[in-house]
mmCIF file of all heavy atoms, coordinates in Angstrom:
data_MODEL
# 
_entry.id   MODEL 
# 
loop_
_atom_site.group_PDB 
_atom_site.id 
_atom_site.type_symbol 
_atom_site.label_atom_id 
_atom_site.label_alt_id 
_atom_site.label_comp_id 
_atom_site.label_asym_id 
_atom_site.label_entity_id 
_atom_site.label_seq_id 
_atom_site.pdbx_PDB_ins_code 
_atom_site.Cartn_x 
_atom_site.Cartn_y 
_atom_site.Cartn_z 
_atom_site.occupancy 
_atom_site.B_iso_or_equiv 
_atom_site.pdbx_formal_charge 
_atom_site.auth_seq_id 
_atom_site.auth_comp_id 
_atom_site.auth_asym_id 
_atom_site.auth_atom_id 
_atom_site.pdbx_PDB_model_num 
ATOM 1   N N   . MET A 1 1  ? 253.314 186.243 292.774 1.00 0.00 ? 1  MET A N   1 
ATOM 2   C CA  . MET A 1 1  ? 253.898 184.930 292.730 1.00 0.00 ? 1  MET A CA  1 
ATOM 3   C C   . MET A 1 1  ? 254.840 184.888 291.531 1.00 0.00 ? 1  MET A C   1 
ATOM 4   O O   . MET A 1 1  ? 254.484 185.259 290.433 1.00 0.00 ? 1  MET A O   1 
ATOM 5   C CB  . MET A 1 1  ? 252.781 183.888 292.610 1.00 0.00 ? 1  MET A CB  1 
ATOM 6   C CG  . MET A 1 1  ? 253.296 182.498 292.507 1.00 0.00 ? 1  MET A CG  1 
ATOM 7   S SD  . MET A 1 1  ? 252.048 181.210 292.779 1.00 0.00 ? 1  MET A SD  1 
ATOM 8   C CE  . MET A 1 1  ? 250.798 181.580 291.584 1.00 0.00 ? 1  MET A CE  1 
ATOM 9   N N   . ASN A 1 2  ? 256.041 184.418 291.757 1.00 0.00 ? 2  ASN A N   1 
ATOM 10  C CA  . ASN A 1 2  ? 257.058 184.363 290.714 1.00 0.00 ? 2  ASN A CA  1 
ATOM 11  C C   . ASN A 1 2  ? 257.078 182.956 290.121 1.00 0.00 ? 2  ASN A C   1 
ATOM 12  O O   . ASN A 1 2  ? 257.786 182.088 290.572 1.00 0.00 ? 2  ASN A O   1 
ATOM 13  C CB  . ASN A 1 2  ? 258.419 184.719 291.320 1.00 0.00 ? 2  ASN A CB  1 
ATOM 14  C CG  . ASN A 1 2  ? 259.446 185.003 290.262 1.00 0.00 ? 2  ASN A CG  1 
ATOM 15  O OD1 . ASN A 1 2  ? 259.134 185.010 289.077 1.00 0.00 ? 2  ASN A OD1 1 
ATOM 16  N ND2 . ASN A 1 2  ? 260.671 185.226 290.684 1.00 0.00 ? 2  ASN A ND2 1 
ATOM 17  N N   . VAL A 1 3  ? 256.256 182.737 289.107 1.00 0.00 ? 3  VAL A N   1 
ATOM 18  C CA  . VAL A 1 3  ? 256.084 181.411 288.516 1.00 0.00 ? 3  VAL A CA  1 
ATOM 19  C C   . VAL A 1 3  ? 256.482 181.470 287.053 1.00 0.00 ? 3  VAL A C   1 
ATOM 20  O O   . VAL A 1 3  ? 256.219 182.444 286.368 1.00 0.00 ? 3  VAL A O   1 
ATOM 21  C CB  . VAL A 1 3  ? 254.605 180.962 288.633 1.00 0.00 ? 3  VAL A CB  1 
ATOM 22  C CG1 . VAL A 1 3  ? 254.382 179.629 287.957 1.00 0.00 ? 3  VAL A CG1 1 
ATOM 23  C CG2 . VAL A 1 3  ? 254.191 180.886 290.077 1.00 0.00 ? 3  VAL A CG2 1 
ATOM 24  N N   . PHE A 1 4  ? 257.108 180.409 286.573 1.00 0.00 ? 4  PHE A N   1 
ATOM 25  C CA  . PHE A 1 4  ? 257.449 180.314 285.159 1.00 0.00 ? 4  PHE A CA  1 
ATOM 26  C C   . PHE A 1 4  ? 256.174 180.370 284.339 1.00 0.00 ? 4  PHE A C   1 
ATOM 27  O O   . PHE A 1 4  ? 255.232 179.626 284.577 1.00 0.00 ? 4  PHE A O   1 
ATOM 28  C CB  . PHE A 1 4  ? 258.172 178.994 284.886 1.00 0.00 ? 4  PHE A CB  1 
ATOM 29  C CG  . PHE A 1 4  ? 258.291 178.659 283.433 1.00 0.00 ? 4  PHE A CG  1 
ATOM 30  C CD1 . PHE A 1 4  ? 259.194 179.324 282.640 1.00 0.00 ? 4  PHE A CD1 1 
ATOM 31  C CD2 . PHE A 1 4  ? 257.480 177.715 282.857 1.00 0.00 ? 4  PHE A CD2 1 
ATOM 32  C CE1 . PHE A 1 4  ? 259.306 179.035 281.291 1.00 0.00 ? 4  PHE A CE1 1 
ATOM 33  C CE2 . PHE A 1 4  ? 257.579 177.401 281.513 1.00 0.00 ? 4  PHE A CE2 1 
ATOM 34  C CZ  . PHE A 1 4  ? 258.494 178.076 280.733 1.00 0.00 ? 4  PHE A CZ  1 
ATOM 35  N N   . GLN A 1 5  ? 256.122 181.255 283.377 1.00 0.00 ? 5  GLN A N   1 
ATOM 36  C CA  . GLN A 1 5  ? 254.971 181.391 282.507 1.00 0.00 ? 5  GLN A CA  1 
ATOM 37  C C   . GLN A 1 5  ? 255.377 181.004 281.096 1.00 0.00 ? 5  GLN A C   1 
ATOM 38  O O   . GLN A 1 5  ? 256.186 181.672 280.482 1.00 0.00 ? 5  GLN A O   1 
ATOM 39  C CB  . GLN A 1 5  ? 254.464 182.845 282.493 1.00 0.00 ? 5  GLN A CB  1 
ATOM 40  C CG  . GLN A 1 5  ? 253.987 183.346 283.833 1.00 0.00 ? 5  GLN A CG  1 
ATOM 41  C CD  . GLN A 1 5  ? 252.594 182.851 284.152 1.00 0.00 ? 5  GLN A CD  1 
ATOM 42  O OE1 . GLN A 1 5  ? 251.849 182.468 283.271 1.00 0.00 ? 5  GLN A OE1 1 
ATOM 43  N NE2 . GLN A 1 5  ? 252.265 182.823 285.421 1.00 0.00 ? 5  GLN A NE2 1 
ATOM 44  N N   . PRO A 1 6  ? 254.837 179.923 280.560 1.00 0.00 ? 6  PRO A N   1 
ATOM 45  C CA  . PRO A 1 6  ? 255.182 179.567 279.182 1.00 0.00 ? 6  PRO A CA  1 
ATOM 46  C C   . PRO A 1 6  ? 254.660 180.616 278.215 1.00 0.00 ? 6  PRO A C   1 
ATOM 47  O O   . PRO A 1 6  ? 253.717 181.334 278.519 1.00 0.00 ? 6  PRO A O   1 
ATOM 48  C CB  . PRO A 1 6  ? 254.483 178.226 278.969 1.00 0.00 ? 6  PRO A CB  1 
ATOM 49  C CG  . PRO A 1 6  ? 253.471 178.114 280.033 1.00 0.00 ? 6  PRO A CG  1 
ATOM 50  C CD  . PRO A 1 6  ? 253.903 178.996 281.165 1.00 0.00 ? 6  PRO A CD  1 
ATOM 51  N N   . VAL A 1 7  ? 255.280 180.703 277.054 1.00 0.00 ? 7  VAL A N   1 
ATOM 52  C CA  . VAL A 1 7  ? 254.889 181.680 276.051 1.00 0.00 ? 7  VAL A CA  1 
ATOM 53  C C   . VAL A 1 7  ? 253.477 181.398 275.558 1.00 0.00 ? 7  VAL A C   1 
ATOM 54  O O   . VAL A 1 7  ? 252.730 182.293 275.228 1.00 0.00 ? 7  VAL A O   1 
ATOM 55  C CB  . VAL A 1 7  ? 255.893 181.664 274.870 1.00 0.00 ? 7  VAL A CB  1 
ATOM 56  C CG1 . VAL A 1 7  ? 255.447 182.589 273.775 1.00 0.00 ? 7  VAL A CG1 1 
ATOM 57  C CG2 . VAL A 1 7  ? 257.279 182.032 275.372 1.00 0.00 ? 7  VAL A CG2 1 
ATOM 58  N N   . THR A 1 8  ? 253.106 180.148 275.521 1.00 0.00 ? 8  THR A N   1 
ATOM 59  C CA  . THR A 1 8  ? 251.794 179.762 275.015 1.00 0.00 ? 8  THR A CA  1 
ATOM 60  C C   . THR A 1 8  ? 251.076 178.883 276.020 1.00 0.00 ? 8  THR A C   1 
ATOM 61  O O   . THR A 1 8  ? 251.695 178.246 276.850 1.00 0.00 ? 8  THR A O   1 
ATOM 62  C CB  . THR A 1 8  ? 251.929 179.006 273.677 1.00 0.00 ? 8  THR A CB  1 
ATOM 63  O OG1 . THR A 1 8  ? 250.623 178.645 273.226 1.00 0.00 ? 8  THR A OG1 1 
ATOM 64  C CG2 . THR A 1 8  ? 252.772 177.768 273.806 1.00 0.00 ? 8  THR A CG2 1 
ATOM 65  N N   . ASP A 1 9  ? 249.768 178.868 275.933 1.00 0.00 ? 9  ASP A N   1 
ATOM 66  C CA  . ASP A 1 9  ? 248.950 178.024 276.798 1.00 0.00 ? 9  ASP A CA  1 
ATOM 67  C C   . ASP A 1 9  ? 248.416 176.834 276.003 1.00 0.00 ? 9  ASP A C   1 
ATOM 68  O O   . ASP A 1 9  ? 247.455 176.218 276.369 1.00 0.00 ? 9  ASP A O   1 
ATOM 69  C CB  . ASP A 1 9  ? 247.784 178.860 277.351 1.00 0.00 ? 9  ASP A CB  1 
ATOM 70  C CG  . ASP A 1 9  ? 247.028 178.143 278.457 1.00 0.00 ? 9  ASP A CG  1 
ATOM 71  O OD1 . ASP A 1 9  ? 247.628 177.298 279.141 1.00 0.00 ? 9  ASP A OD1 1 
ATOM 72  O OD2 . ASP A 1 9  ? 245.835 178.419 278.622 1.00 0.00 ? 9  ASP A OD2 1 
ATOM 73  N N   . SER A 1 10 ? 249.063 176.533 274.895 1.00 0.00 ? 10 SER A N   1 
ATOM 74  C CA  . SER A 1 10 ? 248.549 175.498 274.010 1.00 0.00 ? 10 SER A CA  1 
ATOM 75  C C   . SER A 1 10 ? 249.389 174.233 274.103 1.00 0.00 ? 10 SER A C   1 
ATOM 76  O O   . SER A 1 10 ? 250.597 174.269 273.936 1.00 0.00 ? 10 SER A O   1 
ATOM 77  C CB  . SER A 1 10 ? 248.558 175.998 272.565 1.00 0.00 ? 10 SER A CB  1 
ATOM 78  O OG  . SER A 1 10 ? 248.270 174.946 271.686 1.00 0.00 ? 10 SER A OG  1 
ATOM 79  N N   . ALA A 1 11 ? 248.726 173.121 274.346 1.00 0.00 ? 11 ALA A N   1 
ATOM 80  C CA  . ALA A 1 11 ? 249.429 171.840 274.367 1.00 0.00 ? 11 ALA A CA  1 
ATOM 81  C C   . ALA A 1 11 ? 249.877 171.452 272.967 1.00 0.00 ? 11 ALA A C   1 
ATOM 82  O O   . ALA A 1 11 ? 250.647 170.516 272.801 1.00 0.00 ? 11 ALA A O   1 
ATOM 83  C CB  . ALA A 1 11 ? 248.531 170.761 274.954 1.00 0.00 ? 11 ALA A CB  1 
ATOM 84  N N   . ASP A 1 12 ? 249.405 172.182 271.942 1.00 0.00 ? 12 ASP A N   1 
ATOM 85  C CA  . ASP A 1 12 ? 249.838 171.924 270.571 1.00 0.00 ? 12 ASP A CA  1 
ATOM 86  C C   . ASP A 1 12 ? 251.226 172.479 270.294 1.00 0.00 ? 12 ASP A C   1 
ATOM 87  O O   . ASP A 1 12 ? 251.891 172.061 269.360 1.00 0.00 ? 12 ASP A O   1 
ATOM 88  C CB  . ASP A 1 12 ? 248.852 172.534 269.561 1.00 0.00 ? 12 ASP A CB  1 
ATOM 89  C CG  . ASP A 1 12 ? 247.486 171.876 269.648 1.00 0.00 ? 12 ASP A CG  1 
ATOM 90  O OD1 . ASP A 1 12 ? 247.428 170.679 270.003 1.00 0.00 ? 12 ASP A OD1 1 
ATOM 91  O OD2 . ASP A 1 12 ? 246.494 172.549 269.365 1.00 0.00 ? 12 ASP A OD2 1 
ATOM 92  N N   . ASP A 1 13 ? 251.674 173.450 271.087 1.00 0.00 ? 13 ASP A N   1 
ATOM 93  C CA  . ASP A 1 13 ? 253.018 173.999 270.929 1.00 0.00 ? 13 ASP A CA  1 
ATOM 94  C C   . ASP A 1 13 ? 254.014 172.906 271.298 1.00 0.00 ? 13 ASP A C   1 
ATOM 95  O O   . ASP A 1 13 ? 253.905 172.298 272.356 1.00 0.00 ? 13 ASP A O   1 
ATOM 96  C CB  . ASP A 1 13 ? 253.198 175.214 271.848 1.00 0.00 ? 13 ASP A CB  1 
ATOM 97  C CG  . ASP A 1 13 ? 254.600 175.755 271.782 1.00 0.00 ? 13 ASP A CG  1 
ATOM 98  O OD1 . ASP A 1 13 ? 254.895 176.565 270.889 1.00 0.00 ? 13 ASP A OD1 1 
ATOM 99  O OD2 . ASP A 1 13 ? 255.412 175.351 272.639 1.00 0.00 ? 13 ASP A OD2 1 
ATOM 100 N N   . PRO A 1 14 ? 254.994 172.618 270.427 1.00 0.00 ? 14 PRO A N   1 
ATOM 101 C CA  . PRO A 1 14 ? 255.902 171.491 270.687 1.00 0.00 ? 14 PRO A CA  1 
ATOM 102 C C   . PRO A 1 14 ? 256.643 171.585 272.017 1.00 0.00 ? 14 PRO A C   1 
ATOM 103 O O   . PRO A 1 14 ? 256.751 170.589 272.739 1.00 0.00 ? 14 PRO A O   1 
ATOM 104 C CB  . PRO A 1 14 ? 256.882 171.529 269.515 1.00 0.00 ? 14 PRO A CB  1 
ATOM 105 C CG  . PRO A 1 14 ? 256.263 172.387 268.484 1.00 0.00 ? 14 PRO A CG  1 
ATOM 106 C CD  . PRO A 1 14 ? 255.276 173.285 269.176 1.00 0.00 ? 14 PRO A CD  1 
ATOM 107 N N   . THR A 1 15 ? 257.141 172.760 272.364 1.00 0.00 ? 15 THR A N   1 
ATOM 108 C CA  . THR A 1 15 ? 257.896 172.900 273.610 1.00 0.00 ? 15 THR A CA  1 
ATOM 109 C C   . THR A 1 15 ? 256.986 172.715 274.808 1.00 0.00 ? 15 THR A C   1 
ATOM 110 O O   . THR A 1 15 ? 257.310 171.988 275.748 1.00 0.00 ? 15 THR A O   1 
ATOM 111 C CB  . THR A 1 15 ? 258.581 174.279 273.676 1.00 0.00 ? 15 THR A CB  1 
ATOM 112 O OG1 . THR A 1 15 ? 259.371 174.442 272.511 1.00 0.00 ? 15 THR A OG1 1 
ATOM 113 C CG2 . THR A 1 15 ? 259.439 174.416 274.908 1.00 0.00 ? 15 THR A CG2 1 
ATOM 114 N N   . PHE A 1 16 ? 255.847 173.371 274.780 1.00 0.00 ? 16 PHE A N   1 
ATOM 115 C CA  . PHE A 1 16 ? 254.903 173.265 275.891 1.00 0.00 ? 16 PHE A CA  1 
ATOM 116 C C   . PHE A 1 16 ? 254.386 171.837 276.011 1.00 0.00 ? 16 PHE A C   1 
ATOM 117 O O   . PHE A 1 16 ? 254.353 171.260 277.093 1.00 0.00 ? 16 PHE A O   1 
ATOM 118 C CB  . PHE A 1 16 ? 253.742 174.240 275.696 1.00 0.00 ? 16 PHE A CB  1 
ATOM 119 C CG  . PHE A 1 16 ? 252.780 174.234 276.845 1.00 0.00 ? 16 PHE A CG  1 
ATOM 120 C CD1 . PHE A 1 16 ? 253.099 174.843 278.035 1.00 0.00 ? 16 PHE A CD1 1 
ATOM 121 C CD2 . PHE A 1 16 ? 251.559 173.592 276.730 1.00 0.00 ? 16 PHE A CD2 1 
ATOM 122 C CE1 . PHE A 1 16 ? 252.227 174.829 279.106 1.00 0.00 ? 16 PHE A CE1 1 
ATOM 123 C CE2 . PHE A 1 16 ? 250.678 173.570 277.789 1.00 0.00 ? 16 PHE A CE2 1 
ATOM 124 C CZ  . PHE A 1 16 ? 251.002 174.195 278.976 1.00 0.00 ? 16 PHE A CZ  1 
ATOM 125 N N   . GLY A 1 17 ? 253.995 171.253 274.892 1.00 0.00 ? 17 GLY A N   1 
ATOM 126 C CA  . GLY A 1 17 ? 253.484 169.883 274.903 1.00 0.00 ? 17 GLY A CA  1 
ATOM 127 C C   . GLY A 1 17 ? 254.518 168.892 275.402 1.00 0.00 ? 17 GLY A C   1 
ATOM 128 O O   . GLY A 1 17 ? 254.193 167.963 276.141 1.00 0.00 ? 17 GLY A O   1 
ATOM 129 N N   . GLN A 1 18 ? 255.772 169.089 275.010 1.00 0.00 ? 18 GLN A N   1 
ATOM 130 C CA  . GLN A 1 18 ? 256.840 168.194 275.455 1.00 0.00 ? 18 GLN A CA  1 
ATOM 131 C C   . GLN A 1 18 ? 257.047 168.313 276.963 1.00 0.00 ? 18 GLN A C   1 
ATOM 132 O O   . GLN A 1 18 ? 257.199 167.311 277.656 1.00 0.00 ? 18 GLN A O   1 
ATOM 133 C CB  . GLN A 1 18 ? 258.137 168.499 274.718 1.00 0.00 ? 18 GLN A CB  1 
ATOM 134 C CG  . GLN A 1 18 ? 259.259 167.568 275.102 1.00 0.00 ? 18 GLN A CG  1 
ATOM 135 C CD  . GLN A 1 18 ? 260.538 167.867 274.337 1.00 0.00 ? 18 GLN A CD  1 
ATOM 136 O OE1 . GLN A 1 18 ? 260.696 168.910 273.732 1.00 0.00 ? 18 GLN A OE1 1 
ATOM 137 N NE2 . GLN A 1 18 ? 261.459 166.933 274.381 1.00 0.00 ? 18 GLN A NE2 1 
ATOM 138 N N   . GLY A 1 19 ? 257.055 169.547 277.477 1.00 0.00 ? 19 GLY A N   1 
ATOM 139 C CA  . GLY A 1 19 ? 257.214 169.749 278.921 1.00 0.00 ? 19 GLY A CA  1 
ATOM 140 C C   . GLY A 1 19 ? 256.071 169.132 279.706 1.00 0.00 ? 19 GLY A C   1 
ATOM 141 O O   . GLY A 1 19 ? 256.281 168.468 280.723 1.00 0.00 ? 19 GLY A O   1 
ATOM 142 N N   . LEU A 1 20 ? 254.863 169.329 279.202 1.00 0.00 ? 20 LEU A N   1 
ATOM 143 C CA  . LEU A 1 20 ? 253.687 168.770 279.860 1.00 0.00 ? 20 LEU A CA  1 
ATOM 144 C C   . LEU A 1 20 ? 253.728 167.247 279.816 1.00 0.00 ? 20 LEU A C   1 
ATOM 145 O O   . LEU A 1 20 ? 253.520 166.570 280.830 1.00 0.00 ? 20 LEU A O   1 
ATOM 146 C CB  . LEU A 1 20 ? 252.410 169.283 279.188 1.00 0.00 ? 20 LEU A CB  1 
ATOM 147 C CG  . LEU A 1 20 ? 251.090 168.766 279.729 1.00 0.00 ? 20 LEU A CG  1 
ATOM 148 C CD1 . LEU A 1 20 ? 250.917 169.177 281.183 1.00 0.00 ? 20 LEU A CD1 1 
ATOM 149 C CD2 . LEU A 1 20 ? 249.946 169.301 278.887 1.00 0.00 ? 20 LEU A CD2 1 
ATOM 150 N N   . GLY A 1 21 ? 254.035 166.683 278.670 1.00 0.00 ? 21 GLY A N   1 
ATOM 151 C CA  . GLY A 1 21 ? 254.107 165.229 278.527 1.00 0.00 ? 21 GLY A CA  1 
ATOM 152 C C   . GLY A 1 21 ? 255.181 164.613 279.406 1.00 0.00 ? 21 GLY A C   1 
ATOM 153 O O   . GLY A 1 21 ? 254.979 163.561 280.017 1.00 0.00 ? 21 GLY A O   1 
ATOM 154 N N   . THR A 1 22 ? 256.337 165.273 279.484 1.00 0.00 ? 22 THR A N   1 
ATOM 155 C CA  . THR A 1 22 ? 257.430 164.779 280.326 1.00 0.00 ? 22 THR A CA  1 
ATOM 156 C C   . THR A 1 22 ? 257.026 164.792 281.788 1.00 0.00 ? 22 THR A C   1 
ATOM 157 O O   . THR A 1 22 ? 257.238 163.812 282.517 1.00 0.00 ? 22 THR A O   1 
ATOM 158 C CB  . THR A 1 22 ? 258.694 165.629 280.116 1.00 0.00 ? 22 THR A CB  1 
ATOM 159 O OG1 . THR A 1 22 ? 259.071 165.554 278.741 1.00 0.00 ? 22 THR A OG1 1 
ATOM 160 C CG2 . THR A 1 22 ? 259.839 165.164 280.991 1.00 0.00 ? 22 THR A CG2 1 
ATOM 161 N N   . THR A 1 23 ? 256.423 165.886 282.231 1.00 0.00 ? 23 THR A N   1 
ATOM 162 C CA  . THR A 1 23 ? 256.001 165.994 283.629 1.00 0.00 ? 23 THR A CA  1 
ATOM 163 C C   . THR A 1 23 ? 254.979 164.923 283.974 1.00 0.00 ? 23 THR A C   1 
ATOM 164 O O   . THR A 1 23 ? 255.116 164.217 284.981 1.00 0.00 ? 23 THR A O   1 
ATOM 165 C CB  . THR A 1 23 ? 255.415 167.393 283.904 1.00 0.00 ? 23 THR A CB  1 
ATOM 166 O OG1 . THR A 1 23 ? 256.413 168.369 283.621 1.00 0.00 ? 23 THR A OG1 1 
ATOM 167 C CG2 . THR A 1 23 ? 254.974 167.538 285.347 1.00 0.00 ? 23 THR A CG2 1 
ATOM 168 N N   . LEU A 1 24 ? 253.950 164.768 283.137 1.00 0.00 ? 24 LEU A N   1 
ATOM 169 C CA  . LEU A 1 24 ? 252.930 163.760 283.421 1.00 0.00 ? 24 LEU A CA  1 
ATOM 170 C C   . LEU A 1 24 ? 253.502 162.347 283.316 1.00 0.00 ? 24 LEU A C   1 
ATOM 171 O O   . LEU A 1 24 ? 253.094 161.448 284.058 1.00 0.00 ? 24 LEU A O   1 
ATOM 172 C CB  . LEU A 1 24 ? 251.734 163.934 282.487 1.00 0.00 ? 24 LEU A CB  1 
ATOM 173 C CG  . LEU A 1 24 ? 250.953 165.242 282.659 1.00 0.00 ? 24 LEU A CG  1 
ATOM 174 C CD1 . LEU A 1 24 ? 249.785 165.298 281.687 1.00 0.00 ? 24 LEU A CD1 1 
ATOM 175 C CD2 . LEU A 1 24 ? 250.476 165.442 284.084 1.00 0.00 ? 24 LEU A CD2 1 
ATOM 176 N N   . GLY A 1 25 ? 254.466 162.157 282.432 1.00 0.00 ? 25 GLY A N   1 
ATOM 177 C CA  . GLY A 1 25 ? 255.139 160.863 282.341 1.00 0.00 ? 25 GLY A CA  1 
ATOM 178 C C   . GLY A 1 25 ? 255.888 160.521 283.618 1.00 0.00 ? 25 GLY A C   1 
ATOM 179 O O   . GLY A 1 25 ? 255.855 159.377 284.085 1.00 0.00 ? 25 GLY A O   1 
ATOM 180 N N   . PHE A 1 26 ? 256.564 161.514 284.199 1.00 0.00 ? 26 PHE A N   1 
ATOM 181 C CA  . PHE A 1 26 ? 257.263 161.298 285.469 1.00 0.00 ? 26 PHE A CA  1 
ATOM 182 C C   . PHE A 1 26 ? 256.273 160.934 286.575 1.00 0.00 ? 26 PHE A C   1 
ATOM 183 O O   . PHE A 1 26 ? 256.534 160.057 287.400 1.00 0.00 ? 26 PHE A O   1 
ATOM 184 C CB  . PHE A 1 26 ? 258.048 162.539 285.890 1.00 0.00 ? 26 PHE A CB  1 
ATOM 185 C CG  . PHE A 1 26 ? 259.303 162.782 285.116 1.00 0.00 ? 26 PHE A CG  1 
ATOM 186 C CD1 . PHE A 1 26 ? 259.845 164.056 285.060 1.00 0.00 ? 26 PHE A CD1 1 
ATOM 187 C CD2 . PHE A 1 26 ? 259.969 161.773 284.441 1.00 0.00 ? 26 PHE A CD2 1 
ATOM 188 C CE1 . PHE A 1 26 ? 261.018 164.311 284.350 1.00 0.00 ? 26 PHE A CE1 1 
ATOM 189 C CE2 . PHE A 1 26 ? 261.148 162.010 283.728 1.00 0.00 ? 26 PHE A CE2 1 
ATOM 190 C CZ  . PHE A 1 26 ? 261.661 163.289 283.696 1.00 0.00 ? 26 PHE A CZ  1 
ATOM 191 N N   . VAL A 1 27 ? 255.126 161.632 286.603 1.00 0.00 ? 27 VAL A N   1 
ATOM 192 C CA  . VAL A 1 27 ? 254.106 161.358 287.619 1.00 0.00 ? 27 VAL A CA  1 
ATOM 193 C C   . VAL A 1 27 ? 253.616 159.908 287.478 1.00 0.00 ? 27 VAL A C   1 
ATOM 194 O O   . VAL A 1 27 ? 253.524 159.173 288.462 1.00 0.00 ? 27 VAL A O   1 
ATOM 195 C CB  . VAL A 1 27 ? 252.942 162.362 287.503 1.00 0.00 ? 27 VAL A CB  1 
ATOM 196 C CG1 . VAL A 1 27 ? 251.790 161.975 288.406 1.00 0.00 ? 27 VAL A CG1 1 
ATOM 197 C CG2 . VAL A 1 27 ? 253.424 163.774 287.851 1.00 0.00 ? 27 VAL A CG2 1 
ATOM 198 N N   . ASP A 1 28 ? 253.316 159.503 286.249 1.00 0.00 ? 28 ASP A N   1 
ATOM 199 C CA  . ASP A 1 28 ? 252.879 158.115 286.010 1.00 0.00 ? 28 ASP A CA  1 
ATOM 200 C C   . ASP A 1 28 ? 253.976 157.119 286.377 1.00 0.00 ? 28 ASP A C   1 
ATOM 201 O O   . ASP A 1 28 ? 253.707 156.054 286.931 1.00 0.00 ? 28 ASP A O   1 
ATOM 202 C CB  . ASP A 1 28 ? 252.507 157.904 284.534 1.00 0.00 ? 28 ASP A CB  1 
ATOM 203 C CG  . ASP A 1 28 ? 251.089 158.343 284.207 1.00 0.00 ? 28 ASP A CG  1 
ATOM 204 O OD1 . ASP A 1 28 ? 250.281 158.525 285.140 1.00 0.00 ? 28 ASP A OD1 1 
ATOM 205 O OD2 . ASP A 1 28 ? 250.790 158.497 283.008 1.00 0.00 ? 28 ASP A OD2 1 
ATOM 206 N N   . GLN A 1 29 ? 255.218 157.463 286.059 1.00 0.00 ? 29 GLN A N   1 
ATOM 207 C CA  . GLN A 1 29 ? 256.339 156.560 286.332 1.00 0.00 ? 29 GLN A CA  1 
ATOM 208 C C   . GLN A 1 29 ? 256.470 156.273 287.817 1.00 0.00 ? 29 GLN A C   1 
ATOM 209 O O   . GLN A 1 29 ? 256.646 155.123 288.220 1.00 0.00 ? 29 GLN A O   1 
ATOM 210 C CB  . GLN A 1 29 ? 257.628 157.186 285.804 1.00 0.00 ? 29 GLN A CB  1 
ATOM 211 C CG  . GLN A 1 29 ? 258.871 156.369 286.067 1.00 0.00 ? 29 GLN A CG  1 
ATOM 212 C CD  . GLN A 1 29 ? 260.125 157.081 285.582 1.00 0.00 ? 29 GLN A CD  1 
ATOM 213 O OE1 . GLN A 1 29 ? 260.070 157.882 284.663 1.00 0.00 ? 29 GLN A OE1 1 
ATOM 214 N NE2 . GLN A 1 29 ? 261.228 156.800 286.212 1.00 0.00 ? 29 GLN A NE2 1 
ATOM 215 N N   . LEU A 1 30 ? 256.389 157.308 288.643 1.00 0.00 ? 30 LEU A N   1 
ATOM 216 C CA  . LEU A 1 30 ? 256.512 157.094 290.084 1.00 0.00 ? 30 LEU A CA  1 
ATOM 217 C C   . LEU A 1 30 ? 255.377 156.243 290.624 1.00 0.00 ? 30 LEU A C   1 
ATOM 218 O O   . LEU A 1 30 ? 255.589 155.379 291.469 1.00 0.00 ? 30 LEU A O   1 
ATOM 219 C CB  . LEU A 1 30 ? 256.540 158.443 290.819 1.00 0.00 ? 30 LEU A CB  1 
ATOM 220 C CG  . LEU A 1 30 ? 257.914 159.046 291.026 1.00 0.00 ? 30 LEU A CG  1 
ATOM 221 C CD1 . LEU A 1 30 ? 257.803 160.453 291.576 1.00 0.00 ? 30 LEU A CD1 1 
ATOM 222 C CD2 . LEU A 1 30 ? 258.759 158.189 291.938 1.00 0.00 ? 30 LEU A CD2 1 
ATOM 223 N N   . ALA A 1 31 ? 254.158 156.475 290.132 1.00 0.00 ? 31 ALA A N   1 
ATOM 224 C CA  . ALA A 1 31 ? 253.013 155.714 290.628 1.00 0.00 ? 31 ALA A CA  1 
ATOM 225 C C   . ALA A 1 31 ? 252.996 154.292 290.066 1.00 0.00 ? 31 ALA A C   1 
ATOM 226 O O   . ALA A 1 31 ? 252.388 153.411 290.652 1.00 0.00 ? 31 ALA A O   1 
ATOM 227 C CB  . ALA A 1 31 ? 251.716 156.429 290.269 1.00 0.00 ? 31 ALA A CB  1 
ATOM 228 N N   . GLY A 1 32 ? 253.669 154.077 288.939 1.00 0.00 ? 32 GLY A N   1 
ATOM 229 C CA  . GLY A 1 32 ? 253.652 152.762 288.315 1.00 0.00 ? 32 GLY A CA  1 
ATOM 230 C C   . GLY A 1 32 ? 254.787 151.850 288.730 1.00 0.00 ? 32 GLY A C   1 
ATOM 231 O O   . GLY A 1 32 ? 254.750 150.650 288.482 1.00 0.00 ? 32 GLY A O   1 
# 
């Protein structure tokens, strides 16, 4: 499977945390 793999698995990493937060924010936005 050709999937984007982030460099880190830590939500503490600013880039990873920002991507995760943005994605979940979009999910909440559509449902809200």
